[in-house]
């Protein structure tokens, strides 16, 4: 992939607007997820991360038993909302990293652009994860380890990529501040 095209495209104004929209979606749905499960005793023992990382049908069955029908319905709604959440976090992370990349030069700029693109790759793994979670929620009596394992594998990759992106974002901020400090000292 030619990462150089991202130095100019999308235009800065479009990039900033899409990053802000991604941020609003991300924050809004984070609050919505919190309100959706707030006070629900079904989720005190097993939360969404337990579900995402339940590698086997046996673990899924235990979680579903704790959640009951109402908890599973709420979780299904949360998974459907997560498809929009993916758009939010991927746009937000991609935009932040691309905005920073445009202020950098050389090899670090190219690496930052490549890492920015991985936000959408994390989103693809999240979509695959969600599809498998919905399959499990749709037929709880026949939960299969394959769907649970695929969902958990994709969740692992997704969170790994997001972790790398966040760490890289912090590293590039430090690099930018150091470069700005050097320029100020010279002047």
Foldseek 3Di string as FASTA:
>chain_A
DPLVVLLCPPHLVVLVVLLVVLQCLQVVLVVVLCVLCPPPQLPPVPHPVQQLQVLFLVSLLVSCVSQDPVNLVSVLVNLVSVLSNLSSQLSNLLSLLSVLLNVDDDPLSSVSSVLNVCSVVLSVLSVLLSVLSNVCSVCVVPNGSVSSNSSNVSPVVSVVSVVVSVVSSVVSVVVVVVVVVVVVVVD
